């Protein structure tokens, strides 16, 4: 499946706007990937946790190569909060 990726808005300096735009750009491919996994027999919880762990790996790789220690700690904390909310349901 070929999907077009939406480019970020050049005029936005607001990080939360850019993050929201990035999420919207990734959403169709993300949903397609999840649906493919579900269609071959993985259950929704397994898929959600696997995708979450892949996101965590990307965050870790990013943390190893960029940002201040405070930025890295904040990003990791936010990710862990979201992950704990996902696994508590």
N, C-alpha and C. Protein backbone atom coordinates (compact mmCIF):
# COMPACT_ATOMS: atom_id res chain seq x y z
N UNK A 1 0.83 -1.17 0.00
CA UNK A 1 0.00 0.00 0.00
C UNK A 1 0.88 1.25 0.00
N UNK A 2 0.77 2.06 -1.02
CA UNK A 2 1.52 3.31 -1.09
C UNK A 2 0.68 4.42 -0.49
N UNK A 3 1.25 5.13 0.43
CA UNK A 3 0.53 6.23 1.07
C UNK A 3 1.36 7.50 0.92
N UNK A 4 0.67 8.60 0.70
CA UNK A 4 1.36 9.88 0.64
C UNK A 4 1.50 10.44 2.05
N UNK A 5 2.68 10.96 2.34
CA UNK A 5 2.93 11.54 3.65
C UNK A 5 2.75 13.05 3.55
N UNK A 6 1.97 13.59 4.45
CA UNK A 6 1.75 15.03 4.51
C UNK A 6 3.00 15.70 5.09
N UNK A 7 3.49 16.74 4.43
CA UNK A 7 4.66 17.47 4.92
C UNK A 7 4.25 18.43 6.04
N UNK A 8 5.17 18.72 6.96
CA UNK A 8 4.84 19.65 8.04
C UNK A 8 4.62 21.06 7.50
N UNK A 9 3.79 21.81 8.21
CA UNK A 9 3.55 23.20 7.87
C UNK A 9 4.82 23.99 8.15
N UNK A 10 5.26 24.71 7.18
CA UNK A 10 6.51 25.48 7.33
C UNK A 10 6.34 26.69 8.24
N UNK A 11 5.13 27.22 8.32
CA UNK A 11 4.92 28.47 9.05
C UNK A 11 4.72 28.30 10.55
N UNK A 12 4.55 27.08 11.02
CA UNK A 12 4.25 26.87 12.44
C UNK A 12 5.51 26.69 13.26
N UNK A 13 5.69 27.57 14.25
CA UNK A 13 6.80 27.43 15.20
C UNK A 13 6.33 26.77 16.49
N UNK A 14 5.03 26.56 16.61
CA UNK A 14 4.45 25.98 17.80
C UNK A 14 4.64 24.46 17.78
N UNK A 15 5.41 23.93 18.74
CA UNK A 15 5.73 22.50 18.74
C UNK A 15 4.49 21.64 18.90
N UNK A 16 3.52 22.07 19.70
CA UNK A 16 2.32 21.24 19.86
C UNK A 16 1.53 21.17 18.56
N UNK A 17 1.53 22.27 17.76
CA UNK A 17 0.88 22.22 16.45
C UNK A 17 1.60 21.25 15.53
N UNK A 18 2.92 21.30 15.54
CA UNK A 18 3.71 20.41 14.68
C UNK A 18 3.52 18.95 15.09
N UNK A 19 3.46 18.71 16.39
CA UNK A 19 3.24 17.35 16.88
C UNK A 19 1.87 16.85 16.45
N UNK A 20 0.87 17.69 16.56
CA UNK A 20 -0.48 17.33 16.14
C UNK A 20 -0.51 17.04 14.63
N UNK A 21 0.16 17.89 13.84
CA UNK A 21 0.23 17.67 12.40
C UNK A 21 0.94 16.36 12.07
N UNK A 22 2.02 16.09 12.77
CA UNK A 22 2.76 14.85 12.54
C UNK A 22 1.88 13.64 12.86
N UNK A 23 1.16 13.72 13.96
CA UNK A 23 0.26 12.63 14.35
C UNK A 23 -0.79 12.38 13.27
N UNK A 24 -1.36 13.46 12.75
CA UNK A 24 -2.37 13.32 11.69
C UNK A 24 -1.75 12.75 10.41
N UNK A 25 -0.52 13.12 10.11
CA UNK A 25 0.15 12.60 8.92
C UNK A 25 0.44 11.11 9.05
N UNK A 26 0.79 10.67 10.25
CA UNK A 26 1.13 9.27 10.49
C UNK A 26 -0.09 8.37 10.69
N UNK A 27 -1.20 8.95 11.09
CA UNK A 27 -2.38 8.19 11.50
C UNK A 27 -2.87 7.18 10.47
N UNK A 28 -3.04 7.54 9.19
CA UNK A 28 -3.54 6.55 8.23
C UNK A 28 -2.64 5.31 8.11
N UNK A 29 -1.34 5.53 8.03
CA UNK A 29 -0.42 4.40 7.93
C UNK A 29 -0.38 3.57 9.21
N UNK A 30 -0.46 4.25 10.33
CA UNK A 30 -0.48 3.59 11.63
C UNK A 30 -1.72 2.71 11.75
N UNK A 31 -2.88 3.27 11.39
CA UNK A 31 -4.13 2.50 11.45
C UNK A 31 -4.10 1.32 10.49
N UNK A 32 -3.54 1.53 9.31
CA UNK A 32 -3.43 0.45 8.34
C UNK A 32 -2.56 -0.68 8.90
N UNK A 33 -1.43 -0.33 9.48
CA UNK A 33 -0.53 -1.32 10.06
C UNK A 33 -1.23 -2.10 11.18
N UNK A 34 -1.94 -1.40 12.05
CA UNK A 34 -2.67 -2.06 13.14
C UNK A 34 -3.75 -2.99 12.59
N UNK A 35 -4.50 -2.53 11.60
CA UNK A 35 -5.55 -3.36 11.01
C UNK A 35 -4.97 -4.61 10.34
N UNK A 36 -3.83 -4.47 9.70
CA UNK A 36 -3.18 -5.63 9.09
C UNK A 36 -2.80 -6.66 10.16
N UNK A 37 -2.25 -6.19 11.26
CA UNK A 37 -1.87 -7.10 12.35
C UNK A 37 -3.10 -7.79 12.93
N UNK A 38 -4.18 -7.03 13.13
CA UNK A 38 -5.42 -7.60 13.66
C UNK A 38 -6.00 -8.63 12.69
N UNK A 39 -5.91 -8.36 11.40
CA UNK A 39 -6.52 -9.24 10.40
C UNK A 39 -5.83 -10.60 10.30
N UNK A 40 -4.58 -10.69 10.76
CA UNK A 40 -3.90 -11.99 10.71
C UNK A 40 -3.90 -12.70 12.05
N UNK A 41 -4.61 -12.13 13.05
CA UNK A 41 -4.81 -12.87 14.28
C UNK A 41 -4.23 -12.30 15.56
N UNK A 42 -3.45 -11.22 15.48
CA UNK A 42 -2.97 -10.60 16.71
C UNK A 42 -4.14 -9.90 17.37
N UNK A 43 -4.21 -9.92 18.71
CA UNK A 43 -5.33 -9.21 19.34
C UNK A 43 -4.96 -7.74 19.56
N UNK A 44 -5.99 -6.93 19.80
CA UNK A 44 -5.83 -5.47 19.88
C UNK A 44 -4.81 -5.07 20.95
N UNK A 45 -4.81 -5.73 22.10
CA UNK A 45 -3.86 -5.40 23.16
C UNK A 45 -2.43 -5.71 22.73
N UNK A 46 -2.22 -6.86 22.09
CA UNK A 46 -0.88 -7.20 21.61
C UNK A 46 -0.37 -6.17 20.60
N UNK A 47 -1.25 -5.79 19.69
CA UNK A 47 -0.87 -4.80 18.67
C UNK A 47 -0.55 -3.46 19.32
N UNK A 48 -1.41 -3.02 20.22
CA UNK A 48 -1.20 -1.73 20.88
C UNK A 48 0.12 -1.71 21.66
N UNK A 49 0.39 -2.77 22.40
CA UNK A 49 1.63 -2.82 23.17
C UNK A 49 2.85 -2.90 22.27
N UNK A 50 2.77 -3.68 21.20
CA UNK A 50 3.90 -3.79 20.28
C UNK A 50 4.20 -2.44 19.63
N UNK A 51 3.16 -1.75 19.18
CA UNK A 51 3.37 -0.43 18.57
C UNK A 51 3.89 0.57 19.59
N UNK A 52 3.41 0.46 20.81
CA UNK A 52 3.90 1.33 21.88
C UNK A 52 5.38 1.09 22.14
N UNK A 53 5.79 -0.17 22.17
CA UNK A 53 7.20 -0.49 22.40
C UNK A 53 8.07 -0.02 21.24
N UNK A 54 7.56 -0.11 20.02
CA UNK A 54 8.31 0.42 18.88
C UNK A 54 8.47 1.93 19.00
N UNK A 55 7.43 2.61 19.46
CA UNK A 55 7.52 4.05 19.70
C UNK A 55 8.55 4.36 20.78
N UNK A 56 8.58 3.54 21.81
CA UNK A 56 9.55 3.73 22.88
C UNK A 56 10.97 3.54 22.36
N UNK A 57 11.18 2.56 21.49
CA UNK A 57 12.50 2.35 20.90
C UNK A 57 12.93 3.56 20.08
N UNK A 58 12.01 4.12 19.31
CA UNK A 58 12.31 5.31 18.52
C UNK A 58 12.66 6.48 19.43
N UNK A 59 11.91 6.63 20.51
CA UNK A 59 12.19 7.69 21.47
C UNK A 59 13.57 7.50 22.09
N UNK A 60 13.92 6.28 22.43
CA UNK A 60 15.23 5.99 23.01
C UNK A 60 16.34 6.32 22.02
N UNK A 61 16.17 5.92 20.77
CA UNK A 61 17.18 6.22 19.74
C UNK A 61 17.32 7.73 19.57
N UNK A 62 16.21 8.44 19.60
CA UNK A 62 16.23 9.89 19.48
C UNK A 62 16.94 10.51 20.68
N UNK A 63 16.64 9.99 21.86
CA UNK A 63 17.24 10.52 23.08
C UNK A 63 18.75 10.33 23.09
N UNK A 64 19.22 9.27 22.47
CA UNK A 64 20.66 8.99 22.45
C UNK A 64 21.42 9.94 21.54
N UNK A 65 20.71 10.60 20.63
CA UNK A 65 21.41 11.42 19.65
C UNK A 65 21.06 12.91 19.70
N UNK A 66 20.15 13.33 20.56
CA UNK A 66 19.74 14.74 20.51
C UNK A 66 19.21 15.23 21.85
N UNK A 67 19.08 16.53 21.94
CA UNK A 67 18.37 17.17 23.04
C UNK A 67 19.14 17.26 24.34
N UNK A 68 18.65 18.13 25.19
CA UNK A 68 19.21 18.27 26.52
C UNK A 68 18.70 17.13 27.40
N UNK A 69 19.35 16.93 28.49
CA UNK A 69 18.93 15.89 29.43
C UNK A 69 17.51 16.14 29.92
N UNK A 70 17.17 17.40 30.16
CA UNK A 70 15.81 17.72 30.63
C UNK A 70 14.77 17.39 29.57
N UNK A 71 15.04 17.74 28.31
CA UNK A 71 14.11 17.43 27.22
C UNK A 71 13.91 15.92 27.09
N UNK A 72 14.99 15.19 27.19
CA UNK A 72 14.93 13.73 27.08
C UNK A 72 14.11 13.15 28.23
N UNK A 73 14.35 13.62 29.45
CA UNK A 73 13.62 13.13 30.62
C UNK A 73 12.13 13.43 30.50
N UNK A 74 11.79 14.62 30.03
CA UNK A 74 10.38 14.98 29.86
C UNK A 74 9.72 14.09 28.82
N UNK A 75 10.38 13.89 27.68
CA UNK A 75 9.82 13.06 26.62
C UNK A 75 9.61 11.63 27.11
N UNK A 76 10.57 11.08 27.82
CA UNK A 76 10.44 9.72 28.34
C UNK A 76 9.31 9.63 29.36
N UNK A 77 9.20 10.63 30.23
CA UNK A 77 8.14 10.62 31.25
C UNK A 77 6.76 10.67 30.60
N UNK A 78 6.59 11.52 29.61
CA UNK A 78 5.31 11.60 28.91
C UNK A 78 4.99 10.28 28.22
N UNK A 79 5.98 9.66 27.61
CA UNK A 79 5.75 8.39 26.95
C UNK A 79 5.34 7.32 27.96
N UNK A 80 5.99 7.27 29.11
CA UNK A 80 5.65 6.28 30.14
C UNK A 80 4.25 6.51 30.68
N UNK A 81 3.85 7.75 30.84
CA UNK A 81 2.50 8.05 31.31
C UNK A 81 1.48 7.52 30.31
N UNK A 82 1.69 7.82 29.03
CA UNK A 82 0.77 7.34 28.00
C UNK A 82 0.74 5.82 27.96
N UNK A 83 1.90 5.21 28.07
CA UNK A 83 1.99 3.75 28.03
C UNK A 83 1.25 3.13 29.23
N UNK A 84 1.40 3.72 30.42
CA UNK A 84 0.72 3.17 31.60
C UNK A 84 -0.79 3.32 31.48
N UNK A 85 -1.24 4.40 30.87
CA UNK A 85 -2.68 4.57 30.65
C UNK A 85 -3.20 3.51 29.68
N UNK A 86 -2.42 3.18 28.68
CA UNK A 86 -2.81 2.18 27.69
C UNK A 86 -2.90 0.79 28.34
N UNK A 87 -1.94 0.44 29.16
CA UNK A 87 -1.91 -0.90 29.74
C UNK A 87 -2.87 -1.06 30.92
N UNK A 88 -3.38 0.05 31.46
CA UNK A 88 -4.30 -0.06 32.60
C UNK A 88 -5.74 -0.31 32.17
N UNK A 89 -6.02 -0.26 30.87
CA UNK A 89 -7.40 -0.46 30.39
C UNK A 89 -7.63 -1.86 29.95
